[in-house]
PDB file of N, CA and C in Angstrom:
ATOM      1  N   MET A   1      88.361 116.479  87.373  1.00  0.00           N
ATOM      2  CA  MET A   1      89.280 117.295  88.135  1.00  0.00           C
ATOM      3  C   MET A   1      89.797 116.473  89.320  1.00  0.00           C
ATOM      4  N   GLU A   2      91.097 116.512  89.528  1.00  0.00           N
ATOM      5  CA  GLU A   2      91.719 115.722  90.587  1.00  0.00           C
ATOM      6  C   GLU A   2      91.778 116.523  91.873  1.00  0.00           C
ATOM      7  N   ASN A   3      91.485 115.866  92.967  1.00  0.00           N
ATOM      8  CA  ASN A   3      91.503 116.483  94.281  1.00  0.00           C
ATOM      9  C   ASN A   3      92.908 116.380  94.852  1.00  0.00           C
ATOM     10  N   ASP A   4      93.506 117.520  95.198  1.00  0.00           N
ATOM     11  CA  ASP A   4      94.856 117.520  95.757  1.00  0.00           C
ATOM     12  C   ASP A   4      94.862 117.276  97.258  1.00  0.00           C
ATOM     13  N   MET A   5      93.705 117.371  97.879  1.00  0.00           N
ATOM     14  CA  MET A   5      93.613 117.171  99.318  1.00  0.00           C
ATOM     15  C   MET A   5      93.296 115.711  99.619  1.00  0.00           C
ATOM     16  N   PRO A   6      93.896 115.159 100.656  1.00  0.00           N
ATOM     17  CA  PRO A   6      93.557 113.787 101.033  1.00  0.00           C
ATOM     18  C   PRO A   6      92.074 113.679 101.389  1.00  0.00           C
ATOM     19  N   THR A   7      91.520 112.549 101.095  1.00  0.00           N
ATOM     20  CA  THR A   7      90.113 112.292 101.365  1.00  0.00           C
ATOM     21  C   THR A   7      89.998 111.212 102.427  1.00  0.00           C
ATOM     22  N   THR A   8      89.028 111.345 103.286  1.00  0.00           N
ATOM     23  CA  THR A   8      88.778 110.351 104.328  1.00  0.00           C
ATOM     24  C   THR A   8      87.751 109.353 103.811  1.00  0.00           C
ATOM     25  N   LEU A   9      88.014 108.091 104.056  1.00  0.00           N
ATOM     26  CA  LEU A   9      87.117 107.010 103.662  1.00  0.00           C
ATOM     27  C   LEU A   9      86.864 106.151 104.892  1.00  0.00           C
ATOM     28  N   THR A  10      85.610 105.907 105.187  1.00  0.00           N
ATOM     29  CA  THR A  10      85.250 105.040 106.296  1.00  0.00           C
ATOM     30  C   THR A  10      84.717 103.746 105.728  1.00  0.00           C
ATOM     31  N   LEU A  11      85.252 102.629 106.179  1.00  0.00           N
ATOM     32  CA  LEU A  11      84.794 101.320 105.719  1.00  0.00           C
ATOM     33  C   LEU A  11      83.949 100.684 106.812  1.00  0.00           C
ATOM     34  N   LYS A  12      82.846 100.085 106.400  1.00  0.00           N
ATOM     35  CA  LYS A  12      81.948  99.435 107.355  1.00  0.00           C
ATOM     36  C   LYS A  12      81.773  97.981 106.961  1.00  0.00           C
ATOM     37  N   ASN A  13      81.425  97.175 107.930  1.00  0.00           N
ATOM     38  CA  ASN A  13      81.117  95.759 107.706  1.00  0.00           C
ATOM     39  C   ASN A  13      82.271  94.985 107.074  1.00  0.00           C
ATOM     40  N   ILE A  14      83.488  95.270 107.500  1.00  0.00           N
ATOM     41  CA  ILE A  14      84.659  94.543 107.013  1.00  0.00           C
ATOM     42  C   ILE A  14      84.609  93.140 107.619  1.00  0.00           C
ATOM     43  N   PRO A  15      84.678  92.111 106.798  1.00  0.00           N
ATOM     44  CA  PRO A  15      84.675  90.749 107.347  1.00  0.00           C
ATOM     45  C   PRO A  15      85.854  90.555 108.313  1.00  0.00           C
ATOM     46  N   ASP A  16      85.612  89.823 109.376  1.00  0.00           N
ATOM     47  CA  ASP A  16      86.650  89.599 110.386  1.00  0.00           C
ATOM     48  C   ASP A  16      87.927  89.051 109.779  1.00  0.00           C
ATOM     49  N   ALA A  17      87.811  88.121 108.846  1.00  0.00           N
ATOM     50  CA  ALA A  17      89.000  87.513 108.237  1.00  0.00           C
ATOM     51  C   ALA A  17      89.817  88.546 107.463  1.00  0.00           C
ATOM     52  N   VAL A  18      89.139  89.455 106.782  1.00  0.00           N
ATOM     53  CA  VAL A  18      89.839  90.512 106.033  1.00  0.00           C
ATOM     54  C   VAL A  18      90.526  91.460 107.002  1.00  0.00           C
ATOM     55  N   TYR A  19      89.819  91.837 108.048  1.00  0.00           N
ATOM     56  CA  TYR A  19      90.393  92.718 109.063  1.00  0.00           C
ATOM     57  C   TYR A  19      91.634  92.095 109.689  1.00  0.00           C
ATOM     58  N   ASP A  20      91.525  90.829 110.052  1.00  0.00           N
ATOM     59  CA  ASP A  20      92.653  90.133 110.689  1.00  0.00           C
ATOM     60  C   ASP A  20      93.854  90.063 109.751  1.00  0.00           C
ATOM     61  N   ARG A  21      93.607  89.783 108.480  1.00  0.00           N
ATOM     62  CA  ARG A  21      94.721  89.717 107.514  1.00  0.00           C
ATOM     63  C   ARG A  21      95.362  91.080 107.323  1.00  0.00           C
ATOM     64  N   LEU A  22      94.541  92.128 107.272  1.00  0.00           N
ATOM     65  CA  LEU A  22      95.071  93.483 107.131  1.00  0.00           C
ATOM     66  C   LEU A  22      95.906  93.855 108.359  1.00  0.00           C
ATOM     67  N   LYS A  23      95.417  93.492 109.529  1.00  0.00           N
ATOM     68  CA  LYS A  23      96.144  93.796 110.768  1.00  0.00           C
ATOM     69  C   LYS A  23      97.491  93.071 110.801  1.00  0.00           C
ATOM     70  N   LEU A  24      97.489  91.788 110.447  1.00  0.00           N
ATOM     71  CA  LEU A  24      98.751  91.033 110.409  1.00  0.00           C
ATOM     72  C   LEU A  24      99.717  91.620 109.385  1.00  0.00           C
ATOM     73  N   SER A  25      99.196  91.996 108.239  1.00  0.00           N
ATOM     74  CA  SER A  25     100.038  92.579 107.197  1.00  0.00           C
ATOM     75  C   SER A  25     100.616  93.914 107.658  1.00  0.00           C
ATOM     76  N   ALA A  26      99.802  94.728 108.309  1.00  0.00           N
ATOM     77  CA  ALA A  26     100.277  96.020 108.826  1.00  0.00           C
ATOM     78  C   ALA A  26     101.400  95.815 109.844  1.00  0.00           C
ATOM     79  N   GLU A  27     101.207  94.855 110.725  1.00  0.00           N
ATOM     80  CA  GLU A  27     102.235  94.567 111.727  1.00  0.00           C
ATOM     81  C   GLU A  27     103.516  94.074 111.063  1.00  0.00           C
ATOM     82  N   ALA A  28     103.376  93.200 110.082  1.00  0.00           N
ATOM     83  CA  ALA A  28     104.554  92.652 109.395  1.00  0.00           C
ATOM     84  C   ALA A  28     105.336  93.739 108.658  1.00  0.00           C
ATOM     85  N   HIS A  29     104.622  94.743 108.145  1.00  0.00           N
ATOM     86  CA  HIS A  29     105.282  95.827 107.406  1.00  0.00           C
ATOM     87  C   HIS A  29     105.552  97.057 108.265  1.00  0.00           C
ATOM     88  N   ARG A  30     105.227  96.939 109.565  1.00  0.00           N
ATOM     89  CA  ARG A  30     105.441  98.031 110.521  1.00  0.00           C
ATOM     90  C   ARG A  30     104.741  99.310 110.073  1.00  0.00           C
ATOM     91  N   ARG A  31     103.468  99.132 109.664  1.00  0.00           N
ATOM     92  CA  ARG A  31     102.652 100.258 109.246  1.00  0.00           C
ATOM     93  C   ARG A  31     101.383 100.294 110.081  1.00  0.00           C
ATOM     94  N   SER A  32     100.748 101.443 110.090  1.00  0.00           N
ATOM     95  CA  SER A  32      99.441 101.543 110.720  1.00  0.00           C
ATOM     96  C   SER A  32      98.431 100.808 109.845  1.00  0.00           C
ATOM     97  N   MET A  33      97.281 100.509 110.418  1.00  0.00           N
ATOM     98  CA  MET A  33      96.219  99.863 109.642  1.00  0.00           C
ATOM     99  C   MET A  33      95.816 100.756 108.473  1.00  0.00           C
ATOM    100  N   ASN A  34      95.739 102.052 108.717  1.00  0.00           N
ATOM    101  CA  ASN A  34      95.364 102.994 107.671  1.00  0.00           C
ATOM    102  C   ASN A  34      96.379 102.970 106.528  1.00  0.00           C
ATOM    103  N   SER A  35      97.657 103.053 106.877  1.00  0.00           N
ATOM    104  CA  SER A  35      98.697 103.040 105.847  1.00  0.00           C
ATOM    105  C   SER A  35      98.697 101.730 105.071  1.00  0.00           C
ATOM    106  N   GLU A  36      98.495 100.630 105.775  1.00  0.00           N
ATOM    107  CA  GLU A  36      98.477  99.323 105.108  1.00  0.00           C
ATOM    108  C   GLU A  36      97.283  99.232 104.153  1.00  0.00           C
ATOM    109  N   ALA A  37      96.134  99.741 104.578  1.00  0.00           N
ATOM    110  CA  ALA A  37      94.952  99.733 103.715  1.00  0.00           C
ATOM    111  C   ALA A  37      95.199 100.554 102.453  1.00  0.00           C
ATOM    112  N   ILE A  38      95.854 101.704 102.593  1.00  0.00           N
ATOM    113  CA  ILE A  38      96.160 102.540 101.432  1.00  0.00           C
ATOM    114  C   ILE A  38      97.113 101.815 100.483  1.00  0.00           C
ATOM    115  N   VAL A  39      98.150 101.181 101.033  1.00  0.00           N
ATOM    116  CA  VAL A  39      99.099 100.430 100.201  1.00  0.00           C
ATOM    117  C   VAL A  39      98.381  99.317  99.453  1.00  0.00           C
ATOM    118  N   CYS A  40      97.497  98.598 100.146  1.00  0.00           N
ATOM    119  CA  CYS A  40      96.757  97.501  99.506  1.00  0.00           C
ATOM    120  C   CYS A  40      95.847  98.025  98.406  1.00  0.00           C
ATOM    121  N   LEU A  41      95.168  99.125  98.661  1.00  0.00           N
ATOM    122  CA  LEU A  41      94.298  99.715  97.645  1.00  0.00           C
ATOM    123  C   LEU A  41      95.100 100.184  96.437  1.00  0.00           C
ATOM    124  N   GLU A  42      96.227 100.841  96.688  1.00  0.00           N
ATOM    125  CA  GLU A  42      97.064 101.312  95.580  1.00  0.00           C
ATOM    126  C   GLU A  42      97.554 100.141  94.731  1.00  0.00           C
ATOM    127  N   ALA A  43      97.950  99.051  95.378  1.00  0.00           N
ATOM    128  CA  ALA A  43      98.433  97.880  94.645  1.00  0.00           C
ATOM    129  C   ALA A  43      97.310  97.248  93.824  1.00  0.00           C
ATOM    130  N   ALA A  44      96.135  97.179  94.401  1.00  0.00           N
ATOM    131  CA  ALA A  44      95.008  96.543  93.711  1.00  0.00           C
ATOM    132  C   ALA A  44      94.487  97.396  92.563  1.00  0.00           C
ATOM    133  N   LEU A  45      94.642  98.701  92.657  1.00  0.00           N
ATOM    134  CA  LEU A  45      94.073  99.605  91.665  1.00  0.00           C
ATOM    135  C   LEU A  45      95.109 100.260  90.764  1.00  0.00           C
ATOM    136  N   ARG A  46      96.303  99.704  90.742  1.00  0.00           N
ATOM    137  CA  ARG A  46      97.370 100.266  89.905  1.00  0.00           C
ATOM    138  C   ARG A  46      96.889 100.457  88.477  1.00  0.00           C
ATOM    139  N   LEU A  47      97.188 101.606  87.925  1.00  0.00           N
ATOM    140  CA  LEU A  47      96.804 101.882  86.546  1.00  0.00           C
ATOM    141  C   LEU A  47      97.771 101.244  85.562  1.00  0.00           C
ATOM    142  N   ASP A  48      98.985 100.995  86.011  1.00  0.00           N
ATOM    143  CA  ASP A  48      99.996 100.442  85.107  1.00  0.00           C
ATOM    144  C   ASP A  48     100.024  98.915  85.127  1.00  0.00           C
ATOM    145  N   LYS A  49      98.976  98.309  85.645  1.00  0.00           N
ATOM    146  CA  LYS A  49      98.900  96.855  85.711  1.00  0.00           C
ATOM    147  C   LYS A  49      98.973  96.261  84.307  1.00  0.00           C
ATOM    148  N   VAL A  50      99.778  95.235  84.151  1.00  0.00           N
ATOM    149  CA  VAL A  50      99.942  94.597  82.857  1.00  0.00           C
ATOM    150  C   VAL A  50      99.022  93.383  82.785  1.00  0.00           C
ATOM    151  N   ALA A  51      98.273  93.306  81.706  1.00  0.00           N
ATOM    152  CA  ALA A  51      97.371  92.176  81.510  1.00  0.00           C
ATOM    153  C   ALA A  51      98.190  90.898  81.331  1.00  0.00           C
ATOM    154  N   PRO A  52      97.683  89.752  81.802  1.00  0.00           N
ATOM    155  CA  PRO A  52      98.428  88.494  81.665  1.00  0.00           C
ATOM    156  C   PRO A  52      98.829  88.201  80.219  1.00  0.00           C
ATOM    157  N   ALA A  53      97.964  88.467  79.270  1.00  0.00           N
ATOM    158  CA  ALA A  53      98.290  88.197  77.859  1.00  0.00           C
ATOM    159  C   ALA A  53      99.461  89.059  77.392  1.00  0.00           C
ATOM    160  N   GLU A  54      99.497  90.314  77.862  1.00  0.00           N
ATOM    161  CA  GLU A  54     100.600  91.203  77.485  1.00  0.00           C
ATOM    162  C   GLU A  54     101.904  90.747  78.140  1.00  0.00           C
ATOM    163  N   ARG A  55     101.829  90.322  79.394  1.00  0.00           N
ATOM    164  CA  ARG A  55     103.022  89.824  80.091  1.00  0.00           C
ATOM    165  C   ARG A  55     103.575  88.591  79.379  1.00  0.00           C
ATOM    166  N   LEU A  56     102.690  87.692  78.965  1.00  0.00           N
ATOM    167  CA  LEU A  56     103.097  86.496  78.244  1.00  0.00           C
ATOM    168  C   LEU A  56     103.736  86.858  76.904  1.00  0.00           C
ATOM    169  N   ALA A  57     103.167  87.811  76.203  1.00  0.00           N
ATOM    170  CA  ALA A  57     103.731  88.246  74.916  1.00  0.00           C
ATOM    171  C   ALA A  57     105.126  88.824  75.113  1.00  0.00           C
ATOM    172  N   ARG A  58     105.312  89.619  76.170  1.00  0.00           N
ATOM    173  CA  ARG A  58     106.653  90.174  76.465  1.00  0.00           C
ATOM    174  C   ARG A  58     107.654  89.060  76.758  1.00  0.00           C
ATOM    175  N   ALA A  59     107.228  88.078  77.550  1.00  0.00           N
ATOM    176  CA  ALA A  59     108.123  86.967  77.887  1.00  0.00           C
ATOM    177  C   ALA A  59     108.525  86.207  76.621  1.00  0.00           C
ATOM    178  N   ARG A  60     107.574  85.993  75.739  1.00  0.00           N
ATOM    179  CA  ARG A  60     107.886  85.283  74.482  1.00  0.00           C
ATOM    180  C   ARG A  60     108.832  86.092  73.612  1.00  0.00           C
ATOM    181  N   GLN A  61     108.676  87.409  73.587  1.00  0.00           N
ATOM    182  CA  GLN A  61     109.591  88.262  72.820  1.00  0.00           C
ATOM    183  C   GLN A  61     111.006  88.168  73.385  1.00  0.00           C
ATOM    184  N   LEU A  62     111.108  88.218  74.711  1.00  0.00           N
ATOM    185  CA  LEU A  62     112.424  88.112  75.340  1.00  0.00           C
ATOM    186  C   LEU A  62     113.055  86.756  75.064  1.00  0.00           C
ATOM    187  N   ARG A  63     112.257  85.708  75.170  1.00  0.00           N
ATOM    188  CA  ARG A  63     112.760  84.360  74.924  1.00  0.00           C
ATOM    189  C   ARG A  63     113.271  84.221  73.494  1.00  0.00           C
ATOM    190  N   ALA A  64     112.619  84.878  72.543  1.00  0.00           N
ATOM    191  CA  ALA A  64     112.996  84.775  71.135  1.00  0.00           C
ATOM    192  C   ALA A  64     114.380  85.354  70.865  1.00  0.00           C
ATOM    193  N   VAL A  65     114.804  86.346  71.659  1.00  0.00           N
ATOM    194  CA  VAL A  65     116.115  86.954  71.418  1.00  0.00           C
ATOM    195  C   VAL A  65     117.236  86.316  72.225  1.00  0.00           C
ATOM    196  N   LEU A  66     116.888  85.404  73.122  1.00  0.00           N
ATOM    197  CA  LEU A  66     117.925  84.722  73.905  1.00  0.00           C
ATOM    198  C   LEU A  66     118.645  83.697  73.039  1.00  0.00           C
ATOM    199  N   PRO A  67     119.907  83.445  73.362  1.00  0.00           N
ATOM    200  CA  PRO A  67     120.623  82.387  72.625  1.00  0.00           C
ATOM    201  C   PRO A  67     119.895  81.057  72.792  1.00  0.00           C
ATOM    202  N   LYS A  68     120.012  80.203  71.808  1.00  0.00           N
ATOM    203  CA  LYS A  68     119.284  78.930  71.824  1.00  0.00           C
ATOM    204  C   LYS A  68     119.896  77.893  72.780  1.00  0.00           C
ATOM    205  N   SER A  69     121.072  78.184  73.318  1.00  0.00           N
ATOM    206  CA  SER A  69     121.686  77.243  74.250  1.00  0.00           C
ATOM    207  C   SER A  69     120.881  77.185  75.544  1.00  0.00           C
ATOM    208  N   LYS A  70     120.986  76.079  76.223  1.00  0.00           N
ATOM    209  CA  LYS A  70     120.262  75.913  77.483  1.00  0.00           C
ATOM    210  C   LYS A  70     121.044  76.556  78.618  1.00  0.00           C
ATOM    211  N   PHE A  71     120.310  77.105  79.541  1.00  0.00           N
ATOM    212  CA  PHE A  71     120.932  77.650  80.737  1.00  0.00           C
ATOM    213  C   PHE A  71     120.958  76.553  81.784  1.00  0.00           C
ATOM    214  N   ARG A  72     122.134  76.309  82.337  1.00  0.00           N
ATOM    215  CA  ARG A  72     122.245  75.295  83.387  1.00  0.00           C
ATOM    216  C   ARG A  72     121.984  75.945  84.735  1.00  0.00           C
ATOM    217  N   ALA A  73     121.425  75.177  85.641  1.00  0.00           N
ATOM    218  CA  ALA A  73     121.079  75.691  86.968  1.00  0.00           C
ATOM    219  C   ALA A  73     122.297  76.285  87.664  1.00  0.00           C
ATOM    220  N   ARG A  74     123.437  75.644  87.553  1.00  0.00           N
ATOM    221  CA  ARG A  74     124.628  76.174  88.244  1.00  0.00           C
ATOM    222  C   ARG A  74     125.083  77.497  87.631  1.00  0.00           C
ATOM    223  N   ASP A  75     124.879  77.663  86.318  1.00  0.00           N
ATOM    224  CA  ASP A  75     125.230  78.940  85.685  1.00  0.00           C
ATOM    225  C   ASP A  75     124.291  80.053  86.165  1.00  0.00           C
ATOM    226  N   ILE A  76     123.024  79.728  86.274  1.00  0.00           N
ATOM    227  CA  ILE A  76     122.046  80.704  86.761  1.00  0.00           C
ATOM    228  C   ILE A  76     122.364  81.091  88.205  1.00  0.00           C
ATOM    229  N   ASP A  77     122.692  80.106  89.024  1.00  0.00           N
ATOM    230  CA  ASP A  77     123.051  80.390  90.421  1.00  0.00           C
ATOM    231  C   ASP A  77     124.294  81.266  90.500  1.00  0.00           C
ATOM    232  N   ALA A  78     125.277  80.994  89.649  1.00  0.00           N
ATOM    233  CA  ALA A  78     126.497  81.787  89.649  1.00  0.00           C
ATOM    234  C   ALA A  78     126.198  83.241  89.260  1.00  0.00           C
ATOM    235  N   LEU A  79     125.332  83.421  88.274  1.00  0.00           N
ATOM    236  CA  LEU A  79     124.964  84.780  87.867  1.00  0.00           C
ATOM    237  C   LEU A  79     124.222  85.504  88.987  1.00  0.00           C
ATOM    238  N   LYS A  80     123.379  84.813  89.712  1.00  0.00           N
ATOM    239  CA  LYS A  80     122.667  85.421  90.836  1.00  0.00           C
ATOM    240  C   LYS A  80     123.657  85.872  91.907  1.00  0.00           C
ATOM    241  N   ARG A  81     124.655  85.035  92.172  1.00  0.00           N
ATOM    242  CA  ARG A  81     125.635  85.386  93.196  1.00  0.00           C
ATOM    243  C   ARG A  81     126.457  86.594  92.779  1.00  0.00           C
ATOM    244  N   GLU A  82     126.649  86.786  91.477  1.00  0.00           N
ATOM    245  CA  GLU A  82     127.396  87.953  90.988  1.00  0.00           C
ATOM    246  C   GLU A  82     126.591  89.247  91.135  1.00  0.00           C
ATOM    247  N   GLY A  83     125.294  89.111  91.411  1.00  0.00           N
ATOM    248  CA  GLY A  83     124.447  90.273  91.567  1.00  0.00           C
ATOM    249  C   GLY A  83     123.987  90.846  90.245  1.00  0.00           C
ATOM    250  N   ARG A  84     124.013  90.033  89.236  1.00  0.00           N
ATOM    251  CA  ARG A  84     123.600  90.496  87.908  1.00  0.00           C
ATOM    252  C   ARG A  84     122.075  90.589  87.855  1.00  0.00           C
ATOM    253  N   PRO A  85     121.536  91.715  87.328  1.00  0.00           N
ATOM    254  CA  PRO A  85     120.070  91.834  87.264  1.00  0.00           C
ATOM    255  C   PRO A  85     119.440  90.864  86.293  1.00  0.00           C
TER     256      PRO A  85
END
């Protein structure tokens, strides 16, 4: 059963280096330490995380359907400037 109410979590014995990195990250993202910790936890525990092997298989599938011609760096740069996804 899922809890719809927010839960409080207290962390103890956080290494100084981890605390300092979290604080810097919170400041850089203009978030509170609490909000930054939640964002970091959500990112680390994402359920939709793709395994490296699956990501590689997807990339190979995409590569297989691309034209066999080579993409030149200037063509890629031009496409980026056009805002093409």
